[in-house]
Amino acid sequence: FFIWETLRTLVDRKLLSLDMDHYECRSNEQQVSQELARVGRVKELLLSKIVAQLDPPTIENLKVAACLGSRLYPDILQYFVAPEPVSEFLDRVAWHGLFTFDQQHNCWSF
């Protein structure tokens, strides 16, 4: 998720582009490095604030969920989330803004 969003940010800010004629990425390495450092600091700050509010089982379940992909289906997730009901886990992490419900795909997303 973070890699995708970081790449999207670099493209949106015109710091990274694809040269389709030569199949190469073009970038200003110094500006990209500065942006990556800024994004990393913001990400770490946000995650540390969110994680500080979560209990250890929820953090462990989030780690498992992250390995399953960016789209989470409750009927699959129930086999990996322990020891609580998957609906309680999803409600709690959605309340913290970590997951949203994707109506188009009928699943939860990071």
N, C-alpha and C. Protein backbone atom coordinates (compact mmCIF):
# COMPACT_ATOMS: atom_id res chain seq x y z
N PHE A 1 0.82 -1.21 0.00
CA PHE A 1 0.00 0.00 0.00
C PHE A 1 0.86 1.26 0.00
N PHE A 2 1.82 1.31 0.93
CA PHE A 2 2.64 2.51 1.03
C PHE A 2 3.52 2.70 -0.20
N ILE A 3 3.99 1.60 -0.77
CA ILE A 3 4.81 1.73 -1.97
C ILE A 3 3.99 2.30 -3.11
N TRP A 4 2.79 1.78 -3.29
CA TRP A 4 1.89 2.27 -4.35
C TRP A 4 1.60 3.76 -4.16
N GLU A 5 1.24 4.14 -2.95
CA GLU A 5 0.91 5.54 -2.67
C GLU A 5 2.13 6.45 -2.83
N THR A 6 3.29 5.97 -2.46
CA THR A 6 4.51 6.76 -2.61
C THR A 6 4.82 6.97 -4.09
N LEU A 7 4.71 5.92 -4.87
CA LEU A 7 4.94 6.06 -6.32
C LEU A 7 3.92 7.01 -6.94
N ARG A 8 2.68 6.89 -6.52
CA ARG A 8 1.64 7.78 -7.03
C ARG A 8 1.97 9.24 -6.69
N THR A 9 2.45 9.47 -5.48
CA THR A 9 2.83 10.82 -5.05
C THR A 9 3.97 11.35 -5.92
N LEU A 10 4.97 10.51 -6.17
CA LEU A 10 6.10 10.94 -7.00
C LEU A 10 5.66 11.30 -8.41
N VAL A 11 4.76 10.51 -8.97
CA VAL A 11 4.25 10.79 -10.32
C VAL A 11 3.40 12.06 -10.30
N ASP A 12 2.51 12.20 -9.32
CA ASP A 12 1.65 13.37 -9.22
C ASP A 12 2.46 14.66 -9.09
N ARG A 13 3.58 14.58 -8.39
CA ARG A 13 4.43 15.77 -8.19
C ARG A 13 5.44 15.95 -9.32
N LYS A 14 5.29 15.12 -10.35
CA LYS A 14 6.14 15.18 -11.54
C LYS A 14 7.61 14.95 -11.20
N LEU A 15 7.86 14.14 -10.17
CA LEU A 15 9.23 13.79 -9.79
C LEU A 15 9.66 12.46 -10.41
N LEU A 16 8.68 11.72 -10.94
CA LEU A 16 8.94 10.44 -11.55
C LEU A 16 8.03 10.30 -12.76
N SER A 17 8.61 9.83 -13.86
CA SER A 17 7.79 9.63 -15.07
C SER A 17 8.35 8.42 -15.83
N LEU A 18 7.56 7.93 -16.74
CA LEU A 18 7.96 6.78 -17.55
C LEU A 18 8.15 7.24 -18.98
N ASP A 19 9.32 6.97 -19.51
CA ASP A 19 9.63 7.26 -20.90
C ASP A 19 9.28 6.02 -21.70
N MET A 20 8.10 6.04 -22.33
CA MET A 20 7.61 4.86 -23.05
C MET A 20 8.43 4.55 -24.30
N ASP A 21 9.09 5.54 -24.88
CA ASP A 21 9.91 5.30 -26.06
C ASP A 21 11.14 4.44 -25.73
N HIS A 22 11.68 4.65 -24.54
CA HIS A 22 12.90 3.94 -24.14
C HIS A 22 12.67 2.96 -23.00
N TYR A 23 11.41 2.83 -22.55
CA TYR A 23 11.05 1.95 -21.43
C TYR A 23 11.94 2.21 -20.21
N GLU A 24 12.02 3.49 -19.84
CA GLU A 24 12.83 3.90 -18.69
C GLU A 24 12.03 4.81 -17.78
N CYS A 25 12.38 4.78 -16.52
CA CYS A 25 11.83 5.76 -15.58
C CYS A 25 12.75 6.97 -15.59
N ARG A 26 12.15 8.13 -15.56
CA ARG A 26 12.90 9.39 -15.50
C ARG A 26 12.61 10.05 -14.17
N SER A 27 13.65 10.55 -13.55
CA SER A 27 13.44 11.23 -12.27
C SER A 27 14.60 12.16 -11.97
N ASN A 28 14.33 13.08 -11.05
CA ASN A 28 15.37 13.91 -10.47
C ASN A 28 15.72 13.23 -9.16
N GLU A 29 16.86 12.55 -9.13
CA GLU A 29 17.20 11.71 -7.99
C GLU A 29 17.25 12.47 -6.67
N GLN A 30 17.75 13.68 -6.70
CA GLN A 30 17.85 14.46 -5.46
C GLN A 30 16.46 14.81 -4.94
N GLN A 31 15.57 15.26 -5.82
CA GLN A 31 14.20 15.59 -5.39
C GLN A 31 13.45 14.35 -4.94
N VAL A 32 13.64 13.23 -5.63
CA VAL A 32 12.98 11.99 -5.25
C VAL A 32 13.47 11.56 -3.87
N SER A 33 14.76 11.64 -3.62
CA SER A 33 15.31 11.28 -2.31
C SER A 33 14.73 12.13 -1.20
N GLN A 34 14.62 13.43 -1.46
CA GLN A 34 14.04 14.34 -0.46
C GLN A 34 12.58 13.99 -0.19
N GLU A 35 11.83 13.71 -1.25
CA GLU A 35 10.41 13.37 -1.09
C GLU A 35 10.25 12.04 -0.36
N LEU A 36 11.09 11.06 -0.68
CA LEU A 36 11.00 9.77 0.00
C LEU A 36 11.32 9.91 1.49
N ALA A 37 12.27 10.74 1.82
CA ALA A 37 12.60 10.97 3.23
C ALA A 37 11.42 11.63 3.94
N ARG A 38 10.78 12.60 3.28
CA ARG A 38 9.62 13.28 3.88
C ARG A 38 8.46 12.31 4.06
N VAL A 39 8.18 11.53 3.03
CA VAL A 39 7.08 10.56 3.09
C VAL A 39 7.35 9.54 4.19
N GLY A 40 8.58 9.09 4.31
CA GLY A 40 8.93 8.12 5.35
C GLY A 40 8.71 8.67 6.75
N ARG A 41 9.07 9.93 6.96
CA ARG A 41 8.87 10.54 8.28
C ARG A 41 7.38 10.68 8.59
N VAL A 42 6.59 11.10 7.62
CA VAL A 42 5.15 11.25 7.82
C VAL A 42 4.51 9.90 8.09
N LYS A 43 4.89 8.90 7.32
CA LYS A 43 4.34 7.55 7.50
C LYS A 43 4.66 7.02 8.89
N GLU A 44 5.89 7.15 9.31
CA GLU A 44 6.30 6.66 10.63
C GLU A 44 5.56 7.38 11.74
N LEU A 45 5.39 8.69 11.60
CA LEU A 45 4.68 9.46 12.62
C LEU A 45 3.23 9.01 12.72
N LEU A 46 2.55 8.89 11.59
CA LEU A 46 1.15 8.46 11.59
C LEU A 46 1.00 7.05 12.14
N LEU A 47 1.84 6.15 11.69
CA LEU A 47 1.75 4.78 12.16
C LEU A 47 2.02 4.66 13.65
N SER A 48 3.00 5.40 14.15
CA SER A 48 3.31 5.31 15.57
C SER A 48 2.14 5.81 16.42
N LYS A 49 1.45 6.85 15.96
CA LYS A 49 0.30 7.36 16.70
C LYS A 49 -0.85 6.35 16.69
N ILE A 50 -1.08 5.73 15.55
CA ILE A 50 -2.16 4.76 15.44
C ILE A 50 -1.83 3.50 16.24
N VAL A 51 -0.64 2.99 16.06
CA VAL A 51 -0.26 1.75 16.72
C VAL A 51 -0.27 1.91 18.23
N ALA A 52 0.06 3.08 18.73
CA ALA A 52 0.05 3.32 20.18
C ALA A 52 -1.35 3.13 20.77
N GLN A 53 -2.38 3.25 19.95
CA GLN A 53 -3.75 3.12 20.42
C GLN A 53 -4.29 1.69 20.30
N LEU A 54 -3.52 0.80 19.72
CA LEU A 54 -3.99 -0.56 19.48
C LEU A 54 -3.39 -1.55 20.47
N ASP A 55 -4.16 -2.59 20.77
CA ASP A 55 -3.66 -3.63 21.66
C ASP A 55 -2.80 -4.62 20.86
N PRO A 56 -1.91 -5.35 21.52
CA PRO A 56 -1.01 -6.27 20.81
C PRO A 56 -1.70 -7.30 19.90
N PRO A 57 -2.82 -7.92 20.31
CA PRO A 57 -3.46 -8.86 19.37
C PRO A 57 -3.93 -8.18 18.07
N THR A 58 -4.41 -6.95 18.17
CA THR A 58 -4.85 -6.24 16.97
C THR A 58 -3.66 -5.95 16.06
N ILE A 59 -2.53 -5.57 16.66
CA ILE A 59 -1.33 -5.30 15.87
C ILE A 59 -0.89 -6.58 15.14
N GLU A 60 -0.90 -7.69 15.85
CA GLU A 60 -0.52 -8.97 15.22
C GLU A 60 -1.48 -9.33 14.09
N ASN A 61 -2.78 -9.11 14.30
CA ASN A 61 -3.76 -9.40 13.25
C ASN A 61 -3.57 -8.48 12.04
N LEU A 62 -3.17 -7.24 12.28
CA LEU A 62 -2.89 -6.33 11.17
C LEU A 62 -1.69 -6.81 10.35
N LYS A 63 -0.69 -7.31 11.03
CA LYS A 63 0.48 -7.84 10.32
C LYS A 63 0.07 -9.00 9.41
N VAL A 64 -0.78 -9.87 9.92
CA VAL A 64 -1.26 -11.00 9.12
C VAL A 64 -2.09 -10.48 7.95
N ALA A 65 -2.98 -9.54 8.23
CA ALA A 65 -3.84 -9.00 7.17
C ALA A 65 -3.01 -8.34 6.07
N ALA A 66 -1.94 -7.66 6.45
CA ALA A 66 -1.08 -7.01 5.46
C ALA A 66 -0.45 -8.02 4.52
N CYS A 67 -0.18 -9.21 5.02
CA CYS A 67 0.41 -10.26 4.18
C CYS A 67 -0.60 -10.85 3.19
N LEU A 68 -1.88 -10.67 3.49
CA LEU A 68 -2.93 -11.23 2.63
C LEU A 68 -3.25 -10.35 1.43
N GLY A 69 -2.78 -9.12 1.44
CA GLY A 69 -3.02 -8.22 0.30
C GLY A 69 -3.77 -6.98 0.71
N SER A 70 -4.03 -6.13 -0.26
CA SER A 70 -4.69 -4.85 0.03
C SER A 70 -6.21 -4.96 0.10
N ARG A 71 -6.77 -6.04 -0.43
CA ARG A 71 -8.21 -6.29 -0.32
C ARG A 71 -8.44 -7.46 0.63
N LEU A 72 -9.28 -7.22 1.62
CA LEU A 72 -9.52 -8.23 2.64
C LEU A 72 -10.97 -8.65 2.63
N TYR A 73 -11.18 -9.93 2.45
CA TYR A 73 -12.52 -10.50 2.44
C TYR A 73 -12.77 -11.18 3.78
N PRO A 74 -13.82 -10.77 4.50
CA PRO A 74 -14.06 -11.34 5.83
C PRO A 74 -14.11 -12.86 5.87
N ASP A 75 -14.69 -13.49 4.86
CA ASP A 75 -14.79 -14.95 4.88
C ASP A 75 -13.43 -15.63 4.79
N ILE A 76 -12.44 -14.97 4.20
CA ILE A 76 -11.07 -15.50 4.16
C ILE A 76 -10.31 -15.06 5.41
N LEU A 77 -10.47 -13.82 5.78
CA LEU A 77 -9.75 -13.26 6.93
C LEU A 77 -10.08 -13.99 8.22
N GLN A 78 -11.29 -14.53 8.33
CA GLN A 78 -11.70 -15.21 9.57
C GLN A 78 -10.79 -16.39 9.92
N TYR A 79 -10.13 -16.97 8.93
CA TYR A 79 -9.23 -18.08 9.20
C TYR A 79 -7.88 -17.65 9.75
N PHE A 80 -7.59 -16.35 9.63
CA PHE A 80 -6.28 -15.85 10.02
C PHE A 80 -6.31 -14.94 11.24
N VAL A 81 -7.45 -14.34 11.53
CA VAL A 81 -7.57 -13.41 12.65
C VAL A 81 -7.94 -14.20 13.90
N ALA A 82 -7.12 -14.04 14.92
CA ALA A 82 -7.38 -14.78 16.16
C ALA A 82 -7.19 -13.84 17.35
N PRO A 83 -7.81 -14.02 18.44
CA PRO A 83 -8.82 -15.03 18.76
C PRO A 83 -10.23 -14.47 18.66
N GLU A 84 -10.40 -13.28 18.14
CA GLU A 84 -11.70 -12.61 18.16
C GLU A 84 -12.48 -12.80 16.86
N PRO A 85 -13.76 -12.52 16.87
CA PRO A 85 -14.54 -12.54 15.62
C PRO A 85 -14.00 -11.50 14.64
N VAL A 86 -13.98 -11.87 13.39
CA VAL A 86 -13.42 -10.98 12.37
C VAL A 86 -14.17 -9.66 12.29
N SER A 87 -15.47 -9.67 12.55
CA SER A 87 -16.25 -8.42 12.47
C SER A 87 -15.78 -7.41 13.51
N GLU A 88 -15.44 -7.87 14.71
CA GLU A 88 -14.95 -6.97 15.75
C GLU A 88 -13.59 -6.38 15.36
N PHE A 89 -12.73 -7.22 14.81
CA PHE A 89 -11.42 -6.76 14.35
C PHE A 89 -11.57 -5.70 13.26
N LEU A 90 -12.40 -5.97 12.26
CA LEU A 90 -12.60 -5.04 11.15
C LEU A 90 -13.21 -3.73 11.63
N ASP A 91 -14.18 -3.80 12.53
CA ASP A 91 -14.79 -2.58 13.07
C ASP A 91 -13.77 -1.73 13.80
N ARG A 92 -12.93 -2.37 14.59
CA ARG A 92 -11.94 -1.62 15.38
C ARG A 92 -10.90 -0.94 14.48
N VAL A 93 -10.37 -1.67 13.50
CA VAL A 93 -9.35 -1.06 12.65
C VAL A 93 -9.97 -0.03 11.69
N ALA A 94 -11.22 -0.23 11.31
CA ALA A 94 -11.90 0.78 10.48
C ALA A 94 -12.11 2.06 11.29
N TRP A 95 -12.43 1.91 12.56
CA TRP A 95 -12.62 3.09 13.42
C TRP A 95 -11.34 3.91 13.50
N HIS A 96 -10.19 3.26 13.47
CA HIS A 96 -8.89 3.95 13.50
C HIS A 96 -8.48 4.45 12.11
N GLY A 97 -9.30 4.17 11.11
CA GLY A 97 -9.01 4.66 9.76
C GLY A 97 -8.02 3.80 8.99
N LEU A 98 -7.77 2.58 9.46
CA LEU A 98 -6.80 1.73 8.78
C LEU A 98 -7.41 0.95 7.63
N PHE A 99 -8.68 0.61 7.72
CA PHE A 99 -9.39 -0.09 6.66
C PHE A 99 -10.61 0.73 6.27
N THR A 100 -11.01 0.61 5.03
CA THR A 100 -12.28 1.15 4.58
C THR A 100 -13.01 0.05 3.80
N PHE A 101 -14.32 0.16 3.76
CA PHE A 101 -15.08 -0.84 3.02
C PHE A 101 -15.16 -0.43 1.57
N ASP A 102 -14.76 -1.32 0.69
CA ASP A 102 -14.76 -1.10 -0.75
C ASP A 102 -16.04 -1.73 -1.31
N GLN A 103 -17.05 -0.89 -1.54
CA GLN A 103 -18.35 -1.40 -1.99
C GLN A 103 -18.28 -2.00 -3.39
N GLN A 104 -17.42 -1.46 -4.21
CA GLN A 104 -17.29 -1.97 -5.58
C GLN A 104 -16.85 -3.44 -5.59
N HIS A 105 -15.93 -3.79 -4.69
CA HIS A 105 -15.40 -5.15 -4.65
C HIS A 105 -15.97 -5.96 -3.47
N ASN A 106 -16.83 -5.33 -2.68
CA ASN A 106 -17.46 -5.98 -1.52
C ASN A 106 -16.42 -6.59 -0.58
N CYS A 107 -15.43 -5.76 -0.23
CA CYS A 107 -14.38 -6.21 0.66
C CYS A 107 -13.83 -5.01 1.44
N TRP A 108 -12.93 -5.27 2.35
CA TRP A 108 -12.25 -4.22 3.10
C TRP A 108 -10.91 -3.95 2.44
N SER A 109 -10.45 -2.72 2.48
CA SER A 109 -9.17 -2.35 1.87
C SER A 109 -8.33 -1.52 2.82
N PHE A 110 -7.03 -1.69 2.69
CA PHE A 110 -6.09 -0.84 3.44
C PHE A 110 -6.16 0.55 2.87
